[in-house]
Amino acid sequence: MNTEKRYSLLRLRLAILCFLQFFSWGAWLITLGRYLMDGLHFSGTDVGFVFATAGIASIIMPPLLGYVADRWMRAEKVLGLSLIAYGIALGVFGLISPGASLTLIFISVLVINLFFMPTLSLCNTVAYSTLKHNGEDVVKVFPPIRIWGTIGFIIAMWVINLGNLMESPKQFYVAGAIAFIGGLYSFTLPPCYSGGKENRKKGILSLLGLDSFVLFRDRKMAIFFIFSMLLGCALQLTNAYGNSFLNSFKDVSEYTSSFAVKYPSILLSVSQISETLFILTIPFFLRRMGIKWVIFISLMAWTLRFGLFAVGNPGFPGVIALILSMIIYGMAFDFFNISGSMFVEHEAHPSMRAGAQGLFVFMTNGVGTILGSIGGGFVVDLFRAQEIPTQWPSVWYAFAGYALVVAILFLILFPNRKREKGSGVPQRV
């Protein structure tokens, strides 16, 4: 086999891994809130507590299994075992969830997330290591591979919606089966070599990224990480309540047969499609506007994301607002998560860049997700939005107001600094 064919096959194998991993996530993440609220009749606060498990898992497991992969077991094997355990946990949850107590639901979803969340970083580790070992340009080659994960997520949402599984435990069986297959598939991938003996000489605090908290001594970095947490509060809100919001219109006669009511997951999948497109615009905006304004745009996009939900409905022209909200999601999500990661890469000292990235995830997907999920649940119940479509706008306006306040504070507090010579991430035009 010539070199080009070997590289093409390698990229295909990694793309399949991303597809299976994210398909298994998309098959239940967007519909879990609806399953709990409309299928099992839990409150918005209950759903918020359940979604907070993703934040708890993000704090605990990625650094722990990353530590194992760095020192004791190759990353593709750790990934495979994690996906298999995640698949089994999904299947068990599908069996026990109907009629289960909130405590059992919480514990079960926590176990699911404890096994899934580390696969996000482990999959990247496997891909980066494999590509580098074969002399590939990671920056150039990985994005087209990773995009198949988003495609898998989108297809999973369509499958669950068209299969009418949004309020059925069968969605977890589908997700679990794909995850199990992905786990077995991981063991067929090329060996992923870590630092091995060199990493064993390092302290556990260093390998777990805990020493990166020293970055809070820098005012600019401290402000950035605090706002990472504040923005992280918004990340799961539409995932948790968006499907249930659209489903609530089924009791309004003029909307019962509308596309948004019949196919809410398909409509919501436009958000993921938008995400794949806005990734390509980030270099353009960074070069011309700088990191501060790109992140500010992201925060304002979150304001519009929620505000358009508030004014939208399944009819015409209300559905246009919903579609615009889905499109804006790509800018809201990508402009902070990807640009923020690039900012951390540039600002952190080379000796602690990995730890700094871990701290970014810790503040955003960990602490931020926990606070946002729990707080969002209280807001939903405050307005008694469940089953009452006319009161959902109050919920979305509250979320939009929160995002707007965070955006204004960020614009005031985050320092303006000119681009340093040789920097790939401009601070200011």
Protein backbone atom coordinates (compact mmCIF):
# COMPACT_ATOMS: atom_id res chain seq x y z
CA MET A 1 0.00 0.00 0.00
CA ASN A 2 1.47 3.38 -1.00
CA THR A 3 1.84 6.22 1.47
CA GLU A 4 -1.16 8.27 0.28
CA LYS A 5 -3.54 5.31 0.48
CA ARG A 6 -2.23 4.44 3.94
CA TYR A 7 -2.82 8.01 5.14
CA SER A 8 -6.33 8.05 3.62
CA LEU A 9 -7.20 4.78 5.37
CA LEU A 10 -5.85 6.14 8.66
CA ARG A 11 -8.00 9.27 8.37
CA LEU A 12 -11.04 7.13 7.53
CA ARG A 13 -10.50 4.97 10.61
CA LEU A 14 -10.29 8.01 12.87
CA ALA A 15 -13.36 9.56 11.21
CA ILE A 16 -15.33 6.36 11.94
CA LEU A 17 -14.26 6.57 15.59
CA CYS A 18 -15.52 10.17 15.84
CA PHE A 19 -18.76 9.25 14.08
CA LEU A 20 -19.54 6.36 16.45
CA GLN A 21 -18.60 8.32 19.57
CA PHE A 22 -20.77 11.35 18.79
CA PHE A 23 -23.63 9.32 17.33
CA SER A 24 -23.95 7.61 20.70
CA TRP A 25 -24.08 11.04 22.39
CA GLY A 26 -26.51 12.69 19.99
CA ALA A 27 -28.94 9.77 20.35
CA TRP A 28 -29.90 10.83 23.87
CA LEU A 29 -28.40 14.18 24.95
CA ILE A 30 -30.87 16.47 23.18
CA THR A 31 -33.92 14.34 24.06
CA LEU A 32 -33.05 13.48 27.68
CA GLY A 33 -34.76 16.61 29.02
CA ARG A 34 -37.95 15.83 27.10
CA TYR A 35 -37.83 12.19 28.19
CA LEU A 36 -37.61 13.24 31.84
CA MET A 37 -40.10 16.12 31.73
CA ASP A 38 -42.73 14.92 29.27
CA GLY A 39 -42.19 11.18 29.44
CA LEU A 40 -41.50 10.62 33.15
CA HIS A 41 -43.04 13.92 34.38
CA PHE A 42 -40.13 15.26 36.41
CA SER A 43 -39.88 18.98 37.13
CA GLY A 44 -37.55 21.46 35.49
CA THR A 45 -35.47 21.60 38.67
CA ASP A 46 -35.15 17.81 38.61
CA VAL A 47 -33.96 17.94 35.00
CA GLY A 48 -31.44 20.64 35.93
CA PHE A 49 -29.95 18.45 38.66
CA VAL A 50 -29.70 15.51 36.24
CA PHE A 51 -27.93 17.62 33.60
CA ALA A 52 -25.52 18.86 36.27
CA THR A 53 -24.05 15.34 36.30
CA ALA A 54 -22.20 16.23 33.08
CA GLY A 55 -20.36 18.97 34.94
CA ILE A 56 -19.55 16.71 37.88
CA ALA A 57 -18.21 14.06 35.52
CA SER A 58 -16.16 16.65 33.60
CA ILE A 59 -14.41 17.66 36.80
CA ILE A 60 -13.61 14.12 37.97
CA MET A 61 -13.01 11.70 35.13
CA PRO A 62 -11.13 13.33 32.20
CA PRO A 63 -8.04 14.15 34.31
CA LEU A 64 -8.23 10.82 36.14
CA LEU A 65 -8.37 8.65 33.02
CA GLY A 66 -5.94 10.98 31.29
CA TYR A 67 -3.55 10.22 34.15
CA VAL A 68 -4.07 6.48 33.58
CA ALA A 69 -3.50 6.85 29.83
CA ASP A 70 -0.33 8.89 30.39
CA ARG A 71 1.23 6.41 32.81
CA TRP A 72 -0.20 2.91 32.73
CA MET A 73 -2.33 2.03 29.68
CA ARG A 74 -2.37 3.13 26.05
CA ALA A 75 -5.00 5.77 25.31
CA GLU A 76 -6.90 3.76 22.68
CA LYS A 77 -7.43 0.97 25.22
CA VAL A 78 -8.62 3.37 27.91
CA LEU A 79 -10.95 4.91 25.32
CA GLY A 80 -12.28 1.49 24.31
CA LEU A 81 -12.99 0.45 27.89
CA SER A 82 -14.67 3.80 28.62
CA LEU A 83 -16.97 3.53 25.60
CA ILE A 84 -17.92 -0.06 26.44
CA ALA A 85 -18.71 0.86 30.05
CA TYR A 86 -20.64 3.92 28.80
CA GLY A 87 -22.67 1.74 26.43
CA ILE A 88 -23.54 -0.72 29.19
CA ALA A 89 -24.55 2.14 31.50
CA LEU A 90 -26.88 3.52 28.80
CA GLY A 91 -28.55 0.12 28.36
CA VAL A 92 -29.04 -0.28 32.11
CA PHE A 93 -30.52 3.23 32.34
CA GLY A 94 -33.01 2.36 29.59
CA LEU A 95 -34.14 -0.66 31.63
CA ILE A 96 -34.53 1.05 35.00
CA SER A 97 -35.59 4.63 34.15
CA PRO A 98 -39.39 4.13 33.71
CA GLY A 99 -40.81 4.52 37.21
CA ALA A 100 -37.40 5.14 38.85
CA SER A 101 -36.91 7.72 41.60
CA LEU A 102 -35.06 10.97 40.99
CA THR A 103 -32.15 9.69 43.08
CA LEU A 104 -31.77 6.60 40.92
CA ILE A 105 -32.13 8.67 37.73
CA PHE A 106 -29.44 11.08 38.99
CA ILE A 107 -27.01 8.30 39.91
CA SER A 108 -27.60 6.47 36.62
CA VAL A 109 -27.01 9.53 34.42
CA LEU A 110 -23.97 10.42 36.54
CA VAL A 111 -22.50 6.99 35.82
CA ILE A 112 -23.25 7.45 32.10
CA ASN A 113 -21.44 10.79 32.08
CA LEU A 114 -18.57 9.53 34.21
CA PHE A 115 -17.72 7.07 31.46
CA PHE A 116 -18.56 9.32 28.49
CA MET A 117 -16.99 12.69 29.37
CA PRO A 118 -13.38 11.41 29.40
CA THR A 119 -13.88 9.96 25.90
CA LEU A 120 -14.00 13.53 24.52
CA SER A 121 -10.39 14.19 25.50
CA LEU A 122 -9.27 10.60 24.98
CA CYS A 123 -10.57 10.57 21.39
CA ASN A 124 -8.56 13.74 20.67
CA THR A 125 -5.49 12.19 22.30
CA VAL A 126 -5.78 9.06 20.16
CA ALA A 127 -6.28 11.07 16.97
CA TYR A 128 -3.44 13.53 17.66
CA SER A 129 -1.01 10.77 18.62
CA THR A 130 -1.87 8.61 15.63
CA LEU A 131 -1.61 11.45 13.14
CA LYS A 132 1.67 12.77 14.56
CA HIS A 133 3.18 9.26 14.65
CA ASN A 134 2.43 8.98 10.93
CA GLY A 135 3.88 12.40 10.08
CA GLU A 136 0.54 14.11 9.43
CA ASP A 137 -0.12 17.84 9.90
CA VAL A 138 -2.62 17.75 12.79
CA VAL A 139 -3.86 21.34 12.34
CA LYS A 140 -4.66 20.67 8.70
CA VAL A 141 -5.87 17.07 8.86
CA PHE A 142 -7.79 16.77 12.14
CA PRO A 143 -10.70 19.23 11.55
CA PRO A 144 -12.04 17.30 8.51
CA ILE A 145 -11.82 14.14 10.63
CA ARG A 146 -13.52 15.68 13.67
CA ILE A 147 -16.39 17.05 11.61
CA TRP A 148 -17.62 13.45 11.19
CA GLY A 149 -18.35 13.49 14.90
CA THR A 150 -20.78 16.37 14.41
CA ILE A 151 -22.29 14.57 11.41
CA GLY A 152 -22.81 11.49 13.59
CA PHE A 153 -24.46 13.65 16.26
CA ILE A 154 -26.84 15.15 13.69
CA ILE A 155 -27.76 11.79 12.14
CA ALA A 156 -28.45 10.35 15.61
CA MET A 157 -30.86 13.20 16.37
CA TRP A 158 -32.70 12.52 13.10
CA VAL A 159 -32.86 8.77 13.76
CA ILE A 160 -34.34 9.22 17.24
CA ASN A 161 -36.85 11.81 16.02
CA LEU A 162 -37.98 9.91 12.89
CA GLY A 163 -38.10 6.69 14.90
CA ASN A 164 -40.43 8.41 17.40
CA LEU A 165 -38.12 7.45 20.28
CA MET A 166 -37.85 10.86 21.97
CA GLU A 167 -39.95 9.81 24.98
CA SER A 168 -38.96 6.13 24.87
CA PRO A 169 -36.17 4.31 26.74
CA LYS A 170 -35.30 2.68 23.41
CA GLN A 171 -33.21 5.76 22.56
CA PHE A 172 -30.75 4.65 25.26
CA TYR A 173 -30.55 1.14 23.79
CA VAL A 174 -29.67 2.63 20.39
CA ALA A 175 -27.05 4.91 21.94
CA GLY A 176 -25.66 2.10 24.09
CA ALA A 177 -25.32 -0.31 21.17
CA ILE A 178 -23.40 2.23 19.08
CA ALA A 179 -21.18 3.12 22.04
CA PHE A 180 -20.39 -0.56 22.63
CA ILE A 181 -19.46 -0.98 18.96
CA GLY A 182 -17.29 2.15 19.20
CA GLY A 183 -15.54 0.70 22.24
CA LEU A 184 -14.70 -2.54 20.47
CA TYR A 185 -13.61 -0.59 17.40
CA SER A 186 -11.18 1.48 19.51
CA PHE A 187 -9.13 -1.64 20.25
CA THR A 188 -8.43 -2.04 16.51
CA LEU A 189 -6.78 1.39 16.21
CA PRO A 190 -2.99 1.86 15.98
CA PRO A 191 -1.12 1.99 19.31
CA CYS A 192 -1.16 5.40 20.98
CA TYR A 193 2.15 6.01 22.73
CA SER A 194 2.27 8.39 25.71
CA GLY A 195 5.07 9.89 27.75
CA GLY A 196 5.34 6.61 29.67
CA LYS A 197 8.37 6.56 31.97
CA GLU A 198 8.87 10.32 31.64
CA ASN A 199 5.32 11.00 32.88
CA ARG A 200 5.79 8.63 35.81
CA LYS A 201 8.48 10.95 37.13
CA LYS A 202 6.01 13.84 37.31
CA GLY A 203 3.84 14.50 40.33
CA ILE A 204 0.16 13.62 40.21
CA LEU A 205 -0.82 17.29 40.67
CA SER A 206 1.12 18.18 37.52
CA LEU A 207 -0.33 15.35 35.44
CA LEU A 208 -3.88 16.11 36.58
CA GLY A 209 -3.43 19.74 35.63
CA LEU A 210 -4.07 21.03 39.17
CA ASP A 211 -0.89 23.05 39.16
CA SER A 212 -2.42 25.20 36.39
CA PHE A 213 -4.48 27.10 39.00
CA VAL A 214 -1.41 29.28 39.37
CA LEU A 215 -2.70 31.02 36.21
CA PHE A 216 -5.26 32.82 38.37
CA ARG A 217 -2.41 35.03 39.56
CA ASP A 218 -2.52 36.73 36.17
CA ARG A 219 -5.43 39.21 36.17
CA LYS A 220 -6.23 38.73 32.50
CA MET A 221 -6.26 34.94 32.77
CA ALA A 222 -8.27 35.06 35.99
CA ILE A 223 -10.94 37.21 34.32
CA PHE A 224 -10.98 34.90 31.31
CA PHE A 225 -11.46 31.75 33.41
CA ILE A 226 -14.18 33.37 35.54
CA PHE A 227 -16.09 34.31 32.40
CA SER A 228 -15.49 30.79 31.07
CA MET A 229 -17.42 29.57 34.08
CA LEU A 230 -20.18 32.17 33.61
CA LEU A 231 -20.60 31.28 29.95
CA GLY A 232 -20.46 27.58 30.80
CA CYS A 233 -23.70 28.14 32.72
CA ALA A 234 -25.47 28.67 29.37
CA LEU A 235 -24.08 25.69 27.47
CA GLN A 236 -26.63 23.02 28.45
CA LEU A 237 -29.81 25.11 28.74
CA THR A 238 -31.22 24.58 25.25
CA ASN A 239 -29.99 20.97 25.28
CA ALA A 240 -31.93 20.37 28.49
CA TYR A 241 -35.14 22.24 27.72
CA GLY A 242 -35.27 23.02 23.97
CA ASN A 243 -36.98 19.78 22.91
CA SER A 244 -39.53 19.95 25.72
CA PHE A 245 -40.23 23.61 24.85
CA LEU A 246 -41.05 22.71 21.25
CA ASN A 247 -43.11 19.71 22.35
CA SER A 248 -45.23 21.95 24.60
CA PHE A 249 -46.82 23.50 21.49
CA LYS A 250 -48.53 20.21 20.63
CA ASP A 251 -51.49 21.24 22.81
CA VAL A 252 -52.03 24.42 20.77
CA SER A 253 -54.41 23.47 17.94
CA GLU A 254 -52.82 25.69 15.29
CA TYR A 255 -49.36 24.19 15.93
CA THR A 256 -50.20 20.51 16.51
CA SER A 257 -49.27 19.42 12.98
CA SER A 258 -46.37 21.83 12.51
CA PHE A 259 -42.87 20.69 11.55
CA ALA A 260 -41.34 22.00 14.80
CA VAL A 261 -43.73 19.92 16.91
CA LYS A 262 -43.46 16.75 14.84
CA TYR A 263 -39.72 16.94 14.25
CA PRO A 264 -38.18 19.03 17.06
CA SER A 265 -34.87 17.14 17.06
CA ILE A 266 -34.48 17.67 13.32
CA LEU A 267 -35.09 21.40 13.78
CA LEU A 268 -32.64 21.51 16.69
CA SER A 269 -30.04 19.69 14.59
CA VAL A 270 -29.69 22.86 12.50
CA SER A 271 -27.66 24.12 15.48
CA GLN A 272 -25.05 21.40 14.93
CA ILE A 273 -25.04 22.02 11.18
CA SER A 274 -24.39 25.70 11.88
CA GLU A 275 -21.58 24.72 14.23
CA THR A 276 -19.71 22.96 11.42
CA LEU A 277 -19.91 26.09 9.26
CA PHE A 278 -18.93 28.75 11.79
CA ILE A 279 -15.74 26.87 12.68
CA LEU A 280 -14.41 27.92 9.27
CA THR A 281 -14.99 31.64 9.96
CA ILE A 282 -13.00 31.84 13.21
CA PRO A 283 -9.59 32.68 11.62
CA PHE A 284 -11.24 35.52 9.62
CA PHE A 285 -12.81 37.13 12.70
CA LEU A 286 -9.76 36.59 14.93
CA ARG A 287 -7.43 38.30 12.47
CA ARG A 288 -9.70 41.31 12.03
CA MET A 289 -11.25 41.78 15.45
CA GLY A 290 -9.08 40.12 18.08
CA ILE A 291 -9.91 37.67 20.83
CA LYS A 292 -11.81 40.10 23.07
CA TRP A 293 -14.34 41.04 20.41
CA VAL A 294 -14.71 37.48 19.12
CA ILE A 295 -15.63 36.29 22.62
CA PHE A 296 -17.95 39.28 23.06
CA ILE A 297 -19.68 38.32 19.81
CA SER A 298 -20.11 34.81 21.20
CA LEU A 299 -21.76 36.15 24.35
CA MET A 300 -24.09 38.37 22.35
CA ALA A 301 -24.92 35.39 20.14
CA TRP A 302 -26.00 33.48 23.26
CA THR A 303 -28.25 36.43 24.10
CA LEU A 304 -29.84 36.20 20.65
CA ARG A 305 -30.02 32.40 20.87
CA PHE A 306 -32.26 32.61 23.94
CA GLY A 307 -34.09 35.78 22.86
CA LEU A 308 -35.15 34.26 19.53
CA PHE A 309 -36.45 31.20 21.38
CA ALA A 310 -38.56 33.60 23.46
CA VAL A 311 -40.25 35.21 20.44
CA GLY A 312 -40.38 32.07 18.31
CA ASN A 313 -43.17 29.55 17.77
CA PRO A 314 -43.90 26.73 15.29
CA GLY A 315 -46.12 28.95 13.10
CA PHE A 316 -45.19 31.57 10.53
CA PRO A 317 -43.35 33.91 11.00
CA GLY A 318 -42.47 32.62 14.49
CA VAL A 319 -40.64 29.61 13.07
CA ILE A 320 -38.19 31.98 11.34
CA ALA A 321 -37.05 33.15 14.78
CA LEU A 322 -36.49 29.54 15.82
CA ILE A 323 -34.46 28.81 12.68
CA LEU A 324 -32.36 31.94 13.20
CA SER A 325 -31.72 30.83 16.78
CA MET A 326 -30.42 27.49 15.50
CA ILE A 327 -28.13 29.24 13.01
CA ILE A 328 -26.76 31.63 15.63
CA TYR A 329 -25.91 28.72 17.90
CA GLY A 330 -22.87 27.89 15.75
CA MET A 331 -21.43 31.35 16.38
CA ALA A 332 -22.34 31.24 20.09
CA PHE A 333 -20.69 27.88 20.68
CA ASP A 334 -17.68 27.95 18.37
CA PHE A 335 -16.55 31.54 18.88
CA PHE A 336 -16.03 30.95 22.59
CA ASN A 337 -15.01 27.29 22.84
CA ILE A 338 -12.54 27.21 19.95
CA SER A 339 -11.29 30.80 20.15
CA GLY A 340 -11.02 30.47 23.92
CA SER A 341 -8.94 27.33 23.55
CA MET A 342 -6.64 29.15 21.13
CA PHE A 343 -6.33 32.07 23.57
CA VAL A 344 -5.32 29.69 26.37
CA GLU A 345 -2.80 27.98 24.07
CA HIS A 346 -1.20 31.36 23.30
CA GLU A 347 -1.21 32.87 26.78
CA ALA A 348 -0.14 29.89 28.89
CA HIS A 349 3.53 29.05 29.35
CA PRO A 350 4.56 26.02 27.23
CA SER A 351 5.28 24.04 30.38
CA MET A 352 1.64 24.16 31.47
CA ARG A 353 -0.39 24.48 28.27
CA ALA A 354 -2.01 21.06 28.70
CA GLY A 355 -2.94 21.92 32.27
CA ALA A 356 -4.28 25.29 31.17
CA GLN A 357 -6.52 23.61 28.61
CA GLY A 358 -7.71 21.29 31.34
CA LEU A 359 -8.50 24.28 33.55
CA PHE A 360 -10.47 25.84 30.68
CA VAL A 361 -12.59 22.66 30.41
CA PHE A 362 -12.86 22.47 34.22
CA MET A 363 -14.30 25.99 34.46
CA THR A 364 -16.55 25.78 31.38
CA ASN A 365 -17.86 22.21 31.16
CA GLY A 366 -17.36 21.47 34.84
CA VAL A 367 -18.21 24.24 37.29
CA GLY A 368 -20.17 26.30 34.74
CA THR A 369 -22.32 23.39 33.61
CA ILE A 370 -23.16 22.41 37.19
CA LEU A 371 -24.22 25.93 38.19
CA GLY A 372 -26.08 26.57 34.93
CA SER A 373 -27.98 23.29 34.95
CA ILE A 374 -29.16 23.67 38.54
CA GLY A 375 -29.92 27.39 38.18
CA GLY A 376 -31.70 26.85 34.87
CA GLY A 377 -33.94 24.22 36.43
CA PHE A 378 -35.02 26.66 39.14
CA VAL A 379 -35.83 29.29 36.49
CA VAL A 380 -37.95 26.83 34.50
CA ASP A 381 -39.96 25.87 37.56
CA LEU A 382 -40.24 29.50 38.68
CA PHE A 383 -42.25 30.29 35.57
CA ARG A 384 -44.07 26.92 35.62
CA ALA A 385 -43.12 26.46 31.97
CA GLN A 386 -43.81 22.75 31.80
CA GLU A 387 -46.99 22.10 29.77
CA ILE A 388 -47.68 25.87 29.41
CA PRO A 389 -46.33 27.20 26.08
CA THR A 390 -47.39 30.79 26.79
CA GLN A 391 -45.03 30.99 29.78
CA TRP A 392 -41.91 29.55 28.13
CA PRO A 393 -40.93 33.00 26.73
CA SER A 394 -40.36 34.22 30.30
CA VAL A 395 -37.82 31.42 30.76
CA TRP A 396 -35.92 32.27 27.58
CA TYR A 397 -36.00 36.01 28.32
CA ALA A 398 -34.47 35.29 31.74
CA PHE A 399 -31.67 33.28 30.11
CA ALA A 400 -31.17 35.99 27.46
CA GLY A 401 -30.94 38.67 30.15
CA TYR A 402 -28.30 36.64 31.97
CA ALA A 403 -26.21 36.26 28.80
CA LEU A 404 -26.52 39.99 28.05
CA VAL A 405 -25.30 40.98 31.53
CA VAL A 406 -22.33 38.60 31.22
CA ALA A 407 -21.50 40.06 27.78
CA ILE A 408 -21.52 43.64 29.05
CA LEU A 409 -19.40 42.78 32.09
CA PHE A 410 -16.90 40.96 29.88
CA LEU A 411 -16.61 43.97 27.56
CA ILE A 412 -15.93 46.23 30.55
CA LEU A 413 -13.60 44.01 32.57
CA PHE A 414 -11.52 42.09 30.01
CA PRO A 415 -8.38 44.13 29.23
CA ASN A 416 -7.51 45.44 25.78
CA ARG A 417 -4.03 44.50 24.70
CA LYS A 418 -2.37 44.80 21.35
CA ARG A 419 -1.21 41.70 19.55
CA GLU A 420 2.20 40.60 20.60
CA LYS A 421 4.77 40.11 17.88
CA GLY A 422 4.51 36.64 16.40
CA SER A 423 1.17 35.90 18.09
CA GLY A 424 -1.35 33.84 16.20
CA VAL A 425 -4.19 35.13 18.40
CA PRO A 426 -4.56 38.93 18.12
CA GLN A 427 -5.64 40.69 21.30
CA ARG A 428 -6.76 43.85 19.58
CA VAL A 429 -6.84 45.25 16.07
